[in-house]
Amino acid sequence: MPIRCEIVSQDRMVFEGDADIVVLPGTDGEMGILPHHAPLLTTLKIGIIKVRSGGKEEIFTVAGGVAEVQPDIVTVLADAAENVEEIDVARAEAARKRAEEILAKGVPTDSDAYLIMEAALRKSNLRLDAVKRYRHASAKPPRITD
């Protein structure tokens, strides 16, 4: 019997379906959730969510949030989340470049702007790394034309 998994970001339902196991990036470490897991509420750090079902694995990036685990359902309320197959590489690279440029200007490390740019850089790096590591070979990169 599988466990139900729902991944919700601030603006949409990212994933909804049954899973054999859900692997979450908890703030205290990675955790695997199987059907009939004990109830649990945890915060999530920036990282990768893996949802496996019937030999198929779907990968999602998550930029923080919380997860509630019940014996028959895992609900992830993410600050931001997306399927690795949907990541816009050009947009992620542009965001990384912007953040690196702003940080290189010497923004004071105790300012809100520094923290925002540092978080944007971490998120962009996560998205780009996830594409390199997990995007299926059959997924074609976006075409760049001059």
Protein backbone atom coordinates (compact mmCIF):
# COMPACT_ATOMS: atom_id res chain seq x y z
CA MET A 1 0.00 0.00 0.00
CA PRO A 2 1.56 3.33 -1.07
CA ILE A 3 1.64 6.62 0.80
CA ARG A 4 -0.03 9.69 -0.68
CA CYS A 5 2.31 12.63 -1.41
CA GLU A 6 1.33 16.25 -2.00
CA ILE A 7 3.88 18.98 -2.71
CA VAL A 8 2.43 22.47 -2.68
CA SER A 9 4.30 25.71 -3.34
CA GLN A 10 2.96 29.18 -2.60
CA ASP A 11 1.32 29.45 -6.01
CA ARG A 12 0.40 25.93 -7.16
CA MET A 13 0.15 22.20 -6.57
CA VAL A 14 3.54 20.89 -7.74
CA PHE A 15 2.87 17.17 -7.27
CA GLU A 16 0.03 14.97 -6.15
CA GLY A 17 0.17 11.19 -6.26
CA ASP A 18 1.00 7.90 -4.57
CA ALA A 19 4.54 6.91 -3.64
CA ASP A 20 6.45 3.92 -2.31
CA ILE A 21 8.90 6.28 -0.55
CA VAL A 22 9.33 10.04 -0.23
CA VAL A 23 12.81 11.38 0.60
CA LEU A 24 12.82 14.84 2.20
CA PRO A 25 15.64 17.31 2.99
CA GLY A 26 14.87 17.91 6.67
CA THR A 27 16.80 20.61 8.52
CA ASP A 28 18.40 17.88 10.64
CA GLY A 29 19.19 15.64 7.66
CA GLU A 30 17.67 13.66 4.83
CA MET A 31 14.76 11.42 5.79
CA GLY A 32 12.93 8.66 3.98
CA ILE A 33 9.19 8.38 4.56
CA LEU A 34 7.50 5.03 3.93
CA PRO A 35 3.81 4.09 4.19
CA HIS A 36 2.58 3.82 7.79
CA HIS A 37 5.26 6.24 9.06
CA ALA A 38 4.73 7.68 12.51
CA PRO A 39 3.21 11.18 12.53
CA LEU A 40 5.85 13.87 12.14
CA LEU A 41 6.10 17.61 11.55
CA THR A 42 9.45 18.91 10.27
CA THR A 43 10.97 21.96 8.68
CA LEU A 44 12.72 21.58 5.35
CA LYS A 45 15.96 23.11 4.17
CA ILE A 46 16.81 23.98 0.60
CA GLY A 47 17.35 20.69 -1.20
CA ILE A 48 15.94 17.82 -3.23
CA ILE A 49 12.71 15.87 -2.70
CA LYS A 50 12.61 12.41 -4.28
CA VAL A 51 9.28 10.66 -4.85
CA ARG A 52 9.61 7.01 -5.89
CA SER A 53 6.74 4.87 -7.08
CA GLY A 54 6.79 1.61 -9.00
CA GLY A 55 10.40 1.95 -10.10
CA LYS A 56 9.86 5.53 -11.31
CA GLU A 57 11.46 8.46 -9.51
CA GLU A 58 10.42 12.11 -9.72
CA ILE A 59 12.77 14.79 -8.46
CA PHE A 60 11.79 18.21 -7.10
CA THR A 61 13.81 21.15 -5.83
CA VAL A 62 12.52 22.79 -2.67
CA ALA A 63 13.60 26.09 -1.14
CA GLY A 64 12.52 25.49 2.43
CA GLY A 65 9.12 24.91 3.97
CA VAL A 66 7.48 22.35 6.23
CA ALA A 67 6.37 18.74 5.85
CA GLU A 68 3.61 17.00 7.75
CA VAL A 69 3.76 13.22 7.77
CA GLN A 70 0.79 11.05 8.68
CA PRO A 71 0.67 7.24 8.27
CA ASP A 72 -1.10 7.55 4.90
CA ILE A 73 -0.02 10.99 3.56
CA VAL A 74 3.00 13.30 3.28
CA THR A 75 2.12 16.95 2.78
CA VAL A 76 4.90 19.37 1.83
CA LEU A 77 4.18 23.09 2.07
CA ALA A 78 7.16 24.60 0.28
CA ASP A 79 8.38 28.17 0.11
CA ALA A 80 9.20 27.34 -3.52
CA ALA A 81 9.26 23.99 -5.35
CA GLU A 82 9.45 22.69 -8.89
CA ASN A 83 9.94 19.47 -10.80
CA VAL A 84 13.51 19.20 -12.09
CA GLU A 85 12.12 18.52 -15.57
CA GLU A 86 10.43 21.96 -15.53
CA ILE A 87 13.44 24.05 -14.49
CA ASP A 88 14.22 26.88 -16.89
CA VAL A 89 18.03 26.65 -17.09
CA ALA A 90 18.49 30.06 -18.74
CA ARG A 91 16.42 31.73 -16.01
CA ALA A 92 18.34 29.95 -13.25
CA GLU A 93 21.70 30.91 -14.80
CA ALA A 94 20.58 34.55 -15.13
CA ALA A 95 19.46 34.60 -11.50
CA ARG A 96 22.79 33.14 -10.39
CA LYS A 97 24.70 35.71 -12.41
CA ARG A 98 22.66 38.62 -10.97
CA ALA A 99 23.19 37.39 -7.41
CA GLU A 100 26.93 36.88 -7.95
CA GLU A 101 27.28 40.38 -9.42
CA ILE A 102 25.46 42.03 -6.53
CA LEU A 103 27.46 40.06 -3.94
CA ALA A 104 30.72 40.95 -5.75
CA LYS A 105 29.91 44.66 -5.35
CA GLY A 106 30.60 44.28 -1.66
CA VAL A 107 27.14 44.52 -0.16
CA PRO A 108 27.55 44.66 3.66
CA THR A 109 27.21 41.13 5.06
CA ASP A 110 24.84 42.29 7.80
CA SER A 111 22.32 43.82 5.39
CA ASP A 112 19.02 42.37 4.25
CA ALA A 113 20.12 42.76 0.62
CA TYR A 114 23.11 40.48 1.26
CA LEU A 115 20.94 37.79 2.85
CA ILE A 116 18.43 37.98 0.00
CA MET A 117 21.13 37.67 -2.65
CA GLU A 118 22.86 34.87 -0.77
CA ALA A 119 19.57 32.94 -0.64
CA ALA A 120 18.94 33.62 -4.35
CA LEU A 121 22.42 32.32 -5.17
CA ARG A 122 21.86 29.11 -3.14
CA LYS A 123 18.50 28.53 -4.83
CA SER A 124 19.93 29.11 -8.34
CA ASN A 125 22.86 26.78 -7.64
CA LEU A 126 20.47 24.10 -6.35
CA ARG A 127 18.30 24.34 -9.46
CA LEU A 128 21.28 24.16 -11.83
CA ASP A 129 22.88 21.28 -9.92
CA ALA A 130 19.57 19.38 -9.90
CA VAL A 131 19.29 19.74 -13.67
CA LYS A 132 22.83 18.39 -14.16
CA ARG A 133 22.36 15.49 -11.77
CA TYR A 134 18.75 14.44 -12.26
CA ARG A 135 17.26 15.68 -15.52
CA HIS A 136 16.56 12.73 -17.78
CA ALA A 137 18.72 12.40 -20.86
CA SER A 138 15.58 12.39 -22.98
CA ALA A 139 14.76 15.93 -21.85
CA LYS A 140 16.21 18.26 -24.42
CA PRO A 141 17.79 21.53 -23.30
CA PRO A 142 16.11 24.70 -24.53
CA ARG A 143 17.24 25.78 -27.98
CA ILE A 144 19.30 28.96 -28.12
CA THR A 145 19.04 30.94 -31.30
CA ASP A 146 20.96 34.04 -32.38
